[in-house]
Amino acid sequence: MMLRKSVKHICNNFEYVSNSYFDKSNQNRIANFFVNRALQNDVRTSNPDKSKREDDKKIVSDLNLKSESPFEGRPLYLDAQSTTPVDPRVLDAMLPYFTNLYGNPHSRTHAYGWESEFAVEHARKQVADIIGADRKEIVFTSGATESNNIAIKGVARFYGSKKKHVITTQTEHKCVLDSCRALEAEGFKVTYLRVGPTGLISLNDLANAITDDTSLVSIMSVNNEIGVKQPIHEIGKLCRERNVFFHTDAAQAVGKIPLDVNAMNIDLLSVSGHKIYGPKGVGALYVRRRPRVRVEAIQSGGGQERGIRSGTVPTPLVVGLGRAIEVAMKEMEYDHKWMEFLSNRLIDKIMTNLPCVIRNGDPKASYPGCVNLSFAFVEGESLLMALKDIALSSGSACTSASLEPSYVLRAIGADEDLAHSSIRFGFGRFTTVEEVDYTADKCIRHVKRLREMSPLWEMYQEGIDLKSIKWTQH
C-alpha cells in the first residue's frame, strides 16, 4: 500500500510549521520532513509515480523552501529513545485545549466540561485502538514512570496478602527496578532474571522462576538502551498458563511495533507520550478488565480514572497523546522502514570503516530505531565530547548523570571498558539521511583520532594480548 501524502496539501499547511512555536532549525527540519516524506518514494515504495513526483517538485520549488544544512544552528538530534519532538500535527490538535476549550473534563454540569470530557474519551479510544484494547481499560497517567509504578506496586500490594513474589529482569528501566526494590523493602520477594549476551531472556528461566507465590511478571517490550525486543507473545502465553499477571513497559514499543494485548495475553501495559512525538507529562496504563486485574491505588484523591489514578486529567496533554498515537498507528509501517533504512546506513558506514566495533543486543530481534555500538579502545565520554554538535547518549537519559557503566550493557556481559565505550544512536521520524551520513563520518574520524592517542590501541595493533598483562600501581 502506497503511504504517499499529497505534497500540495502539506505545503498549503506549511504556514503552521513556520510559526513562532518552532525555532528556525526545527522549522527547516520539520518542513523538509513533510516534503521528503511525500517525495522520497524510492526508499519506501517499489513503484513510485514519476509524473506525480515531478509535479510535487514544482510545487515545492514554487514555495521557495530552503533546505538548509542540518549542521547549522542547534546540534543534530539522534537521541530519540530519550525523547522525541512534538509532531506538528499533535501540537495542532492540542492548541485549542490550551486556549478556548479549557474546561475541566470532570465538570459534568456545563458545556465546558462536556466538550473536554468528549475530547478525553476520544483520546482514550485512540490509545485503546493501537493495542487492541477497550477504551474502558485505559487509565491516563503522567507518563510511563507513573504507569510502571502503579502497575507493579498496585498489583503486588493488592494481591500481597496471598502472593508475595514478583519477577522482572536485570535490564528493565530504572523506574521498574526501583519499584521492585521498594516492594522488597515491604517484604516482597523479587526475582531479577538474567539476560543472555543478546539481551534476551530465557523462557525456561522465566518458567522455572514462577511459583505459586508469584503474582506478577514485569518485562519490557523494547529495551530503551539497546533496542532489544523481548518475546512478549511467548511470555504472555506462559504467564496466562501459570495464572500470573503479565505487565510490560511498552514506552519504547507503542506506535513503533504492532502490539495486541489480547493476542499477546498482556494484562497491564505502560505508555509514554513523549516517546512517540507527543507531549511530555502524559502517559497511559492499560489494565485488563476480563479477566479483571485489581490494582491498589498508590495515591489518594478524587477517584478519577476508575479510582486508580486520582487527579484532574490534563485535557491538552491527553489530546496530544491520542493524536500522537493515531498518527503513529497510521504511519507505523512507513516509520519502521525509514528506521531500518537509516540504521542500516549508519551501521554499514561505521562497520566498513572501523574495526573493533560491537553492536550491543541482538540485531535480528531489535527495534531498528535504536542502535547501540561499543567502540573498543575509546572512552565513550570522550567520543561524546568530540561529537558535541550531535545530540547522542551513552545510555538511558534517566541515568546519564551517573559515571557508572550502563547496567544494561553489564547485564549482557560487556566488560567495564566496553560498556564505557558505548554510544546509543536514536533515529526518529524527522531524522534525515544527511544527518545520519554526517554523524557516521564524524564518528569514524574521531574514533580514529582517539585511538591514535590510546596506548592500548597501539598494543592491540602490535598483537599484544591485553588480558595477559598484569597491571601494577605505583
Protein backbone atom coordinates (compact mmCIF):
# COMPACT_ATOMS: atom_id res chain seq x y z
CA MET A 1 0.00 0.00 0.00
CA MET A 2 1.36 3.37 -1.01
CA LEU A 3 1.78 5.60 2.02
CA ARG A 4 2.39 8.71 -0.06
CA LYS A 5 0.87 12.01 1.13
CA SER A 6 -0.11 14.96 -1.03
CA VAL A 7 2.74 17.46 -1.16
CA LYS A 8 0.29 20.14 -2.18
CA HIS A 9 -1.76 19.58 0.98
CA ILE A 10 1.41 19.59 3.10
CA CYS A 11 2.69 22.81 1.56
CA ASN A 12 -0.68 24.54 1.92
CA ASN A 13 -0.29 23.95 5.64
CA PHE A 14 3.36 24.99 5.77
CA GLU A 15 2.44 28.30 7.40
CA TYR A 16 1.63 26.34 10.57
CA VAL A 17 5.04 24.66 10.62
CA SER A 18 6.73 28.02 10.15
CA ASN A 19 5.03 29.81 13.02
CA SER A 20 6.68 31.01 16.18
CA TYR A 21 6.24 27.70 18.00
CA PHE A 22 9.32 26.35 16.22
CA ASP A 23 12.81 27.86 16.05
CA LYS A 24 14.47 28.22 12.66
CA SER A 25 16.44 24.97 12.69
CA ASN A 26 13.38 22.95 13.69
CA GLN A 27 11.21 24.74 11.11
CA ASN A 28 13.53 23.58 8.35
CA ARG A 29 13.91 20.07 9.75
CA ILE A 30 10.16 19.53 10.17
CA ALA A 31 9.20 21.21 6.89
CA ASN A 32 11.75 19.15 5.00
CA PHE A 33 10.43 16.02 6.72
CA PHE A 34 6.92 16.55 5.37
CA VAL A 35 8.20 17.35 1.90
CA ASN A 36 10.66 14.46 1.83
CA ARG A 37 8.03 12.05 3.14
CA ALA A 38 5.96 12.80 0.07
CA LEU A 39 8.86 12.86 -2.38
CA GLN A 40 11.18 10.02 -1.33
CA ASN A 41 9.06 7.18 -2.64
CA ASP A 42 12.17 5.36 -3.85
CA VAL A 43 13.00 4.48 -0.23
CA ARG A 44 9.53 3.35 0.78
CA THR A 45 7.79 2.15 -2.38
CA SER A 46 8.85 -0.11 -5.18
CA ASN A 47 6.82 1.63 -7.90
CA PRO A 48 6.87 5.42 -7.48
CA ASP A 49 4.77 7.57 -9.77
CA LYS A 50 7.39 9.62 -11.68
CA SER A 51 4.93 12.14 -13.13
CA LYS A 52 3.49 12.93 -9.71
CA ARG A 53 6.97 13.35 -8.28
CA GLU A 54 7.84 15.97 -10.92
CA ASP A 55 4.60 17.85 -10.18
CA ASP A 56 5.37 17.74 -6.48
CA LYS A 57 8.89 19.06 -7.00
CA LYS A 58 7.47 22.04 -8.91
CA ILE A 59 5.09 22.81 -6.02
CA VAL A 60 8.00 22.73 -3.60
CA SER A 61 10.21 24.94 -5.76
CA ASP A 62 7.37 27.45 -6.17
CA LEU A 63 7.19 27.73 -2.38
CA ASN A 64 10.92 28.51 -2.31
CA LEU A 65 11.54 26.22 0.67
CA LYS A 66 15.19 26.33 1.65
CA SER A 67 16.84 23.04 2.52
CA GLU A 68 19.49 24.39 4.85
CA SER A 69 22.40 22.31 6.00
CA PRO A 70 21.42 20.22 9.04
CA PHE A 71 24.75 21.15 10.57
CA GLU A 72 23.85 24.80 11.20
CA GLY A 73 22.25 26.12 14.35
CA ARG A 74 21.41 23.67 17.12
CA PRO A 75 23.03 20.21 17.35
CA LEU A 76 21.66 17.37 15.25
CA TYR A 77 19.26 15.23 17.25
CA LEU A 78 19.92 11.48 17.38
CA ASP A 79 18.61 10.67 20.85
CA ALA A 80 15.08 9.53 20.06
CA GLN A 81 15.00 6.96 22.87
CA SER A 82 15.30 9.79 25.40
CA THR A 83 12.51 11.87 23.90
CA THR A 84 11.04 12.92 20.57
CA PRO A 85 9.90 16.33 19.31
CA VAL A 86 6.18 17.01 19.29
CA ASP A 87 4.82 16.28 15.83
CA PRO A 88 3.23 19.47 14.38
CA ARG A 89 0.01 17.51 13.79
CA VAL A 90 -0.05 16.71 17.50
CA LEU A 91 0.54 20.32 18.54
CA ASP A 92 -2.20 21.39 16.14
CA ALA A 93 -4.67 19.09 17.92
CA MET A 94 -3.60 20.29 21.38
CA LEU A 95 -3.68 24.08 20.90
CA PRO A 96 -7.48 24.60 21.15
CA TYR A 97 -7.47 22.93 24.57
CA PHE A 98 -4.86 25.39 25.81
CA THR A 99 -6.97 28.36 24.68
CA ASN A 100 -10.74 28.19 24.14
CA LEU A 101 -11.60 24.64 25.22
CA TYR A 102 -10.23 24.86 28.75
CA GLY A 103 -13.00 23.16 30.75
CA ASN A 104 -12.34 20.58 33.45
CA PRO A 105 -13.24 17.18 31.94
CA HIS A 106 -14.68 16.11 35.30
CA SER A 107 -17.17 19.01 35.42
CA ARG A 108 -20.43 17.33 34.43
CA THR A 109 -22.81 20.29 34.85
CA HIS A 110 -21.94 22.52 31.88
CA ALA A 111 -20.74 22.55 28.28
CA TYR A 112 -17.14 23.44 29.09
CA GLY A 113 -16.76 20.20 30.99
CA TRP A 114 -18.69 18.17 28.44
CA GLU A 115 -16.52 19.21 25.49
CA SER A 116 -13.34 18.45 27.43
CA GLU A 117 -14.72 15.12 28.58
CA PHE A 118 -15.59 14.23 24.99
CA ALA A 119 -12.01 15.02 23.91
CA VAL A 120 -10.57 12.92 26.75
CA GLU A 121 -12.78 9.95 25.90
CA HIS A 122 -11.88 10.24 22.23
CA ALA A 123 -8.20 10.16 23.16
CA ARG A 124 -8.86 7.17 25.41
CA LYS A 125 -10.26 5.28 22.42
CA GLN A 126 -7.27 6.28 20.27
CA VAL A 127 -4.90 4.80 22.85
CA ALA A 128 -7.01 1.67 23.19
CA ASP A 129 -7.20 1.09 19.43
CA ILE A 130 -3.45 0.86 18.89
CA ILE A 131 -3.11 -2.04 21.35
CA GLY A 132 -6.42 -3.77 20.63
CA ALA A 133 -7.97 -2.84 23.98
CA ASP A 134 -11.30 -1.44 25.11
CA ARG A 135 -11.30 2.28 25.95
CA LYS A 136 -12.59 1.47 29.45
CA GLU A 137 -9.30 -0.34 30.10
CA ILE A 138 -7.17 2.79 29.60
CA VAL A 139 -6.05 4.88 32.59
CA PHE A 140 -4.33 8.21 31.91
CA THR A 141 -1.20 8.97 33.93
CA SER A 142 1.67 11.47 33.91
CA GLY A 143 3.93 9.12 31.94
CA ALA A 144 5.44 5.65 31.76
CA THR A 145 7.23 6.03 35.10
CA GLU A 146 3.94 6.54 36.92
CA SER A 147 2.27 3.81 34.87
CA ASN A 148 5.01 1.35 35.81
CA ASN A 149 4.80 2.31 39.48
CA ILE A 150 1.02 1.84 39.53
CA ALA A 151 1.19 -1.48 37.69
CA ILE A 152 3.96 -3.05 39.77
CA LYS A 153 3.21 -1.67 43.22
CA GLY A 154 -0.54 -1.63 42.69
CA VAL A 155 -0.87 -5.27 41.66
CA ALA A 156 1.70 -6.57 44.15
CA ARG A 157 0.08 -4.77 47.07
CA PHE A 158 -3.49 -5.71 46.17
CA TYR A 159 -2.66 -9.42 45.98
CA GLY A 160 0.04 -9.20 48.64
CA SER A 161 -1.98 -10.99 51.31
CA LYS A 162 -1.97 -14.14 49.15
CA LYS A 163 1.11 -13.80 46.93
CA LYS A 164 4.40 -12.08 47.74
CA HIS A 165 6.58 -12.77 44.69
CA VAL A 166 7.29 -10.58 41.64
CA ILE A 167 9.51 -11.35 38.63
CA THR A 168 11.33 -8.86 36.40
CA THR A 169 14.64 -8.68 34.51
CA GLN A 170 18.02 -7.10 35.18
CA THR A 171 17.72 -4.83 32.13
CA GLU A 172 14.45 -3.06 32.91
CA HIS A 173 14.10 0.71 33.06
CA LYS A 174 15.24 2.21 36.35
CA CYS A 175 11.68 3.04 37.43
CA VAL A 176 10.74 -0.64 37.21
CA LEU A 177 13.82 -1.78 39.11
CA ASP A 178 13.31 0.87 41.80
CA SER A 179 9.64 -0.08 42.14
CA CYS A 180 10.69 -3.68 42.70
CA ARG A 181 13.29 -2.63 45.27
CA ALA A 182 10.58 -0.67 47.08
CA LEU A 183 8.50 -3.85 47.22
CA GLU A 184 11.46 -5.76 48.62
CA ALA A 185 11.64 -3.22 51.44
CA GLU A 186 7.98 -4.04 52.16
CA GLY A 187 8.71 -7.76 52.48
CA PHE A 188 8.09 -8.95 48.92
CA LYS A 189 10.45 -11.32 47.16
CA VAL A 190 11.66 -10.21 43.73
CA THR A 191 13.44 -12.36 41.15
CA TYR A 192 15.63 -10.46 38.67
CA LEU A 193 16.03 -12.66 35.59
CA ARG A 194 19.37 -12.67 33.82
CA VAL A 195 19.57 -12.00 30.10
CA GLY A 196 21.90 -13.58 27.58
CA PRO A 197 24.60 -11.82 25.52
CA THR A 198 21.89 -10.82 23.03
CA GLY A 199 19.83 -9.12 25.73
CA LEU A 200 17.00 -11.66 25.53
CA ILE A 201 15.63 -13.56 28.49
CA SER A 202 15.38 -17.35 28.61
CA LEU A 203 11.79 -18.56 28.64
CA ASN A 204 12.96 -21.61 30.58
CA ASP A 205 14.41 -19.34 33.25
CA LEU A 206 11.11 -17.50 33.46
CA ALA A 207 9.12 -20.73 33.70
CA ASN A 208 11.39 -22.01 36.46
CA ALA A 209 11.15 -18.72 38.37
CA ILE A 210 7.34 -18.70 38.54
CA THR A 211 5.96 -20.23 41.72
CA ASP A 212 2.55 -20.49 43.38
CA ASP A 213 3.51 -17.33 45.26
CA THR A 214 4.09 -15.25 42.09
CA SER A 215 1.54 -12.51 41.42
CA LEU A 216 3.19 -10.50 38.64
CA VAL A 217 5.78 -10.70 35.87
CA SER A 218 7.03 -7.34 34.54
CA ILE A 219 9.19 -7.43 31.39
CA MET A 220 9.65 -4.56 28.96
CA SER A 221 8.72 -4.86 25.28
CA VAL A 222 11.66 -2.94 23.79
CA ASN A 223 14.78 -2.03 25.74
CA ASN A 224 15.49 1.69 25.89
CA GLU A 225 19.29 1.31 25.70
CA ILE A 226 19.94 -1.49 23.21
CA GLY A 227 16.59 -1.76 21.41
CA VAL A 228 16.14 -5.50 22.01
CA LYS A 229 12.57 -6.77 21.65
CA GLN A 230 11.66 -9.42 24.20
CA PRO A 231 9.43 -12.35 23.11
CA ILE A 232 6.30 -10.73 24.52
CA HIS A 233 3.86 -13.15 22.87
CA GLU A 234 5.58 -16.19 24.39
CA ILE A 235 5.97 -14.51 27.78
CA GLY A 236 2.28 -13.62 27.86
CA LYS A 237 1.26 -17.14 26.92
CA LEU A 238 3.43 -18.63 29.67
CA CYS A 239 2.08 -16.23 32.29
CA ARG A 240 -1.51 -16.96 31.31
CA GLU A 241 -0.88 -20.71 31.55
CA ARG A 242 0.60 -20.27 35.02
CA ASN A 243 -2.16 -17.89 36.20
CA VAL A 244 0.23 -14.98 36.74
CA PHE A 245 -0.43 -11.38 35.68
CA PHE A 246 1.86 -10.00 32.97
CA HIS A 247 2.86 -6.33 32.79
CA THR A 248 5.02 -4.87 30.04
CA ASP A 249 6.67 -1.46 29.89
CA ALA A 250 5.90 -0.55 26.28
CA ALA A 251 7.17 3.05 26.37
CA GLN A 252 9.63 2.27 23.56
CA ALA A 253 7.24 -0.02 21.68
CA VAL A 254 3.80 1.56 21.35
CA GLY A 255 3.42 3.11 17.92
CA LYS A 256 6.67 1.52 16.73
CA ILE A 257 5.89 -2.20 16.62
CA PRO A 258 2.50 -3.96 16.45
CA LEU A 259 1.02 -4.79 19.86
CA ASP A 260 -2.21 -6.62 20.68
CA VAL A 261 -2.94 -7.07 24.37
CA ASN A 262 -5.39 -9.90 23.75
CA ALA A 263 -3.32 -11.90 21.28
CA MET A 264 -0.24 -11.43 23.48
CA ASN A 265 -2.02 -12.10 26.80
CA ILE A 266 -0.85 -8.78 28.27
CA ASP A 267 -2.66 -7.78 31.47
CA LEU A 268 -1.05 -4.38 32.07
CA LEU A 269 0.83 -2.16 29.62
CA SER A 270 2.57 1.21 30.11
CA VAL A 271 2.57 4.01 27.53
CA SER A 272 4.58 7.24 27.30
CA GLY A 273 3.55 10.28 25.26
CA HIS A 274 6.90 11.91 24.62
CA LYS A 275 8.47 8.76 23.17
CA ILE A 276 6.06 8.84 20.21
CA TYR A 277 6.10 12.53 19.19
CA GLY A 278 3.54 13.51 21.81
CA PRO A 279 3.85 15.90 24.76
CA LYS A 280 5.82 15.26 27.93
CA GLY A 281 3.94 14.79 31.18
CA VAL A 282 1.32 12.35 29.93
CA GLY A 283 1.10 8.60 29.55
CA ALA A 284 -1.34 5.76 29.98
CA LEU A 285 -1.73 2.40 31.65
CA TYR A 286 -3.76 -0.43 30.16
CA VAL A 287 -5.42 -2.53 32.87
CA ARG A 288 -7.29 -5.64 31.72
CA ARG A 289 -10.95 -5.91 32.71
CA ARG A 290 -11.68 -9.50 31.58
CA PRO A 291 -10.32 -11.39 33.41
CA ARG A 292 -10.17 -8.45 35.77
CA VAL A 293 -6.86 -7.22 37.15
CA ARG A 294 -7.21 -5.47 40.50
CA VAL A 295 -4.84 -2.60 41.29
CA GLU A 296 -4.39 -0.79 44.58
CA ALA A 297 -4.14 2.96 44.02
CA ILE A 298 -0.80 4.43 45.06
CA GLN A 299 -2.09 7.97 45.61
CA SER A 300 -5.22 9.42 47.19
CA GLY A 301 -7.58 11.99 45.72
CA GLY A 302 -10.84 12.46 43.86
CA GLY A 303 -11.02 8.94 42.50
CA GLN A 304 -10.62 9.83 38.84
CA GLU A 305 -9.59 7.19 36.27
CA ARG A 306 -11.58 4.34 37.84
CA GLY A 307 -10.08 5.20 41.21
CA ILE A 308 -6.67 4.00 40.02
CA ARG A 309 -5.11 7.41 39.38
CA SER A 310 -6.67 10.37 41.17
CA GLY A 311 -6.15 13.88 39.84
CA THR A 312 -7.62 16.10 37.12
CA VAL A 313 -6.90 14.68 33.69
CA PRO A 314 -4.91 17.29 31.68
CA THR A 315 -7.07 17.57 28.57
CA PRO A 316 -4.50 19.21 26.23
CA LEU A 317 -1.85 16.60 27.05
CA VAL A 318 -4.26 13.70 26.74
CA VAL A 319 -5.50 15.02 23.39
CA GLY A 320 -1.86 15.23 22.27
CA LEU A 321 -1.20 11.66 23.36
CA GLY A 322 -4.25 10.41 21.48
CA ARG A 323 -3.33 12.29 18.31
CA ALA A 324 0.30 11.12 18.51
CA ILE A 325 -0.88 7.53 18.77
CA GLU A 326 -3.32 7.99 15.90
CA VAL A 327 -0.52 9.33 13.68
CA ALA A 328 1.82 6.54 14.78
CA MET A 329 -0.81 3.90 14.07
CA LYS A 330 -1.30 5.17 10.52
CA GLU A 331 2.40 5.56 9.79
CA MET A 332 3.92 2.68 11.77
CA GLU A 333 4.89 0.65 8.71
CA TYR A 334 6.32 3.71 6.99
CA ASP A 335 8.29 4.83 10.05
CA HIS A 336 9.66 1.32 10.63
CA LYS A 337 11.01 1.11 7.07
CA TRP A 338 12.61 4.53 7.46
CA MET A 339 14.27 3.47 10.73
CA GLU A 340 15.60 0.32 9.05
CA PHE A 341 16.99 2.34 6.16
CA LEU A 342 18.73 4.86 8.42
CA SER A 343 20.11 2.32 10.90
CA ASN A 344 21.47 0.06 8.16
CA ARG A 345 23.10 3.07 6.53
CA LEU A 346 24.81 4.16 9.75
CA ILE A 347 25.94 0.66 10.73
CA ASP A 348 27.29 -0.13 7.25
CA LYS A 349 29.29 3.10 7.11
CA ILE A 350 30.79 2.68 10.58
CA MET A 351 31.46 -1.06 10.41
CA THR A 352 33.05 -0.75 6.96
CA ASN A 353 35.49 1.94 8.07
CA LEU A 354 36.24 0.97 11.68
CA PRO A 355 37.47 -2.31 13.17
CA CYS A 356 36.64 -3.43 16.71
CA VAL A 357 33.12 -2.02 16.76
CA ILE A 358 30.49 -4.13 18.50
CA ARG A 359 26.74 -3.80 18.15
CA ASN A 360 25.11 -4.42 21.51
CA GLY A 361 21.96 -6.51 21.54
CA ASP A 362 20.52 -8.99 19.08
CA PRO A 363 20.36 -7.25 15.66
CA LYS A 364 17.69 -9.70 14.49
CA ALA A 365 15.44 -9.01 17.49
CA SER A 366 15.88 -5.26 17.86
CA TYR A 367 13.90 -2.17 17.01
CA PRO A 368 15.92 -0.53 14.19
CA GLY A 369 15.50 3.00 15.54
CA CYS A 370 17.87 2.20 18.42
CA VAL A 371 21.47 1.27 17.63
CA ASN A 372 23.94 0.83 20.49
CA LEU A 373 27.59 0.50 19.46
CA SER A 374 30.71 -0.04 21.54
CA PHE A 375 33.94 1.39 20.13
CA ALA A 376 36.78 -0.60 21.67
CA PHE A 377 39.80 1.41 22.91
CA VAL A 378 37.77 4.63 23.03
CA GLU A 379 36.16 6.29 26.05
CA GLY A 380 32.51 6.88 25.26
CA GLU A 381 32.55 10.14 27.20
CA SER A 382 35.48 11.42 25.11
CA LEU A 383 33.71 10.48 21.91
CA LEU A 384 30.53 12.24 23.02
CA MET A 385 32.57 15.38 23.71
CA ALA A 386 34.09 15.17 20.24
CA LEU A 387 30.62 14.81 18.75
CA LYS A 388 29.28 17.81 20.66
CA ASP A 389 27.32 19.09 17.65
CA ILE A 390 25.28 15.87 17.65
CA ALA A 391 22.83 15.06 20.45
CA LEU A 392 23.71 11.47 21.36
CA SER A 393 23.69 9.41 24.53
CA SER A 394 25.76 6.72 26.18
CA GLY A 395 22.68 5.16 27.78
CA SER A 396 19.35 5.91 29.44
CA ALA A 397 18.56 9.60 29.96
CA CYS A 398 17.33 8.70 33.45
CA THR A 399 20.81 7.52 34.48
CA SER A 400 23.00 9.64 32.20
CA ALA A 401 24.30 11.73 35.11
CA SER A 402 25.96 8.64 36.58
CA LEU A 403 29.60 7.89 35.78
CA GLU A 404 28.97 4.18 36.27
CA PRO A 405 28.91 2.00 33.15
CA SER A 406 25.48 1.05 31.84
CA TYR A 407 23.91 -1.70 33.95
CA VAL A 408 22.15 -2.94 30.81
CA LEU A 409 25.45 -3.49 28.99
CA ARG A 410 26.99 -5.11 32.06
CA ALA A 411 23.96 -7.42 32.24
CA ILE A 412 24.54 -8.68 28.69
CA GLY A 413 28.16 -9.46 29.53
CA ALA A 414 30.03 -6.41 28.27
CA ASP A 415 33.14 -5.73 30.33
CA GLU A 416 33.53 -2.36 32.03
CA ASP A 417 35.78 -0.91 29.34
CA LEU A 418 33.41 -1.82 26.51
CA ALA A 419 30.42 -0.60 28.50
CA HIS A 420 32.19 2.75 28.93
CA SER A 421 32.85 2.93 25.18
CA SER A 422 29.23 2.64 24.08
CA ILE A 423 27.16 5.20 22.20
CA ARG A 424 23.43 4.97 21.57
CA PHE A 425 22.18 6.30 18.23
CA GLY A 426 18.45 7.01 18.29
CA PHE A 427 16.72 7.68 14.97
CA GLY A 428 13.33 9.33 14.71
CA ARG A 429 10.61 10.29 12.29
CA PHE A 430 12.32 13.58 11.45
CA THR A 431 15.88 12.22 11.10
CA THR A 432 17.36 12.81 7.65
CA VAL A 433 19.84 10.88 5.54
CA GLU A 434 22.21 13.86 5.62
CA GLU A 435 22.21 13.84 9.42
CA VAL A 436 23.00 10.13 9.54
CA ASP A 437 25.81 10.46 6.99
CA TYR A 438 27.31 13.41 8.85
CA THR A 439 27.13 11.52 12.14
CA ALA A 440 28.74 8.40 10.71
CA ASP A 441 31.56 10.33 9.01
CA LYS A 442 32.34 12.41 12.06
CA CYS A 443 32.16 9.37 14.34
CA ILE A 444 34.62 7.48 12.14
CA ARG A 445 37.02 10.43 12.07
CA HIS A 446 37.04 10.97 15.83
CA VAL A 447 37.25 7.29 16.76
CA LYS A 448 40.38 7.03 14.61
CA ARG A 449 41.80 10.16 16.23
CA LEU A 450 41.10 8.99 19.78
CA ARG A 451 42.53 5.55 19.10
CA GLU A 452 45.75 7.09 17.84
CA MET A 453 46.19 8.58 21.31
CA SER A 454 45.48 5.28 23.08
CA PRO A 455 48.43 3.12 24.17
CA LEU A 456 46.05 0.18 24.45
CA TRP A 457 45.14 0.53 20.77
CA GLU A 458 48.82 0.61 19.86
CA MET A 459 49.47 -2.53 21.91
CA TYR A 460 46.47 -4.26 20.33
CA GLN A 461 47.77 -3.48 16.85
CA GLU A 462 51.13 -4.94 17.82
CA GLY A 463 49.38 -8.19 18.67
CA ILE A 464 49.81 -7.97 22.45
CA ASP A 465 47.18 -9.86 24.43
CA LEU A 466 45.90 -7.14 26.74
CA LYS A 467 44.28 -9.67 29.06
CA SER A 468 47.64 -11.25 29.77
CA ILE A 469 49.14 -8.01 31.08
CA LYS A 470 49.40 -7.65 34.85
CA TRP A 471 48.88 -4.01 35.71
CA THR A 472 50.51 -2.64 38.87
CA GLN A 473 50.04 0.57 40.80
CA HIS A 474 52.99 2.70 41.88
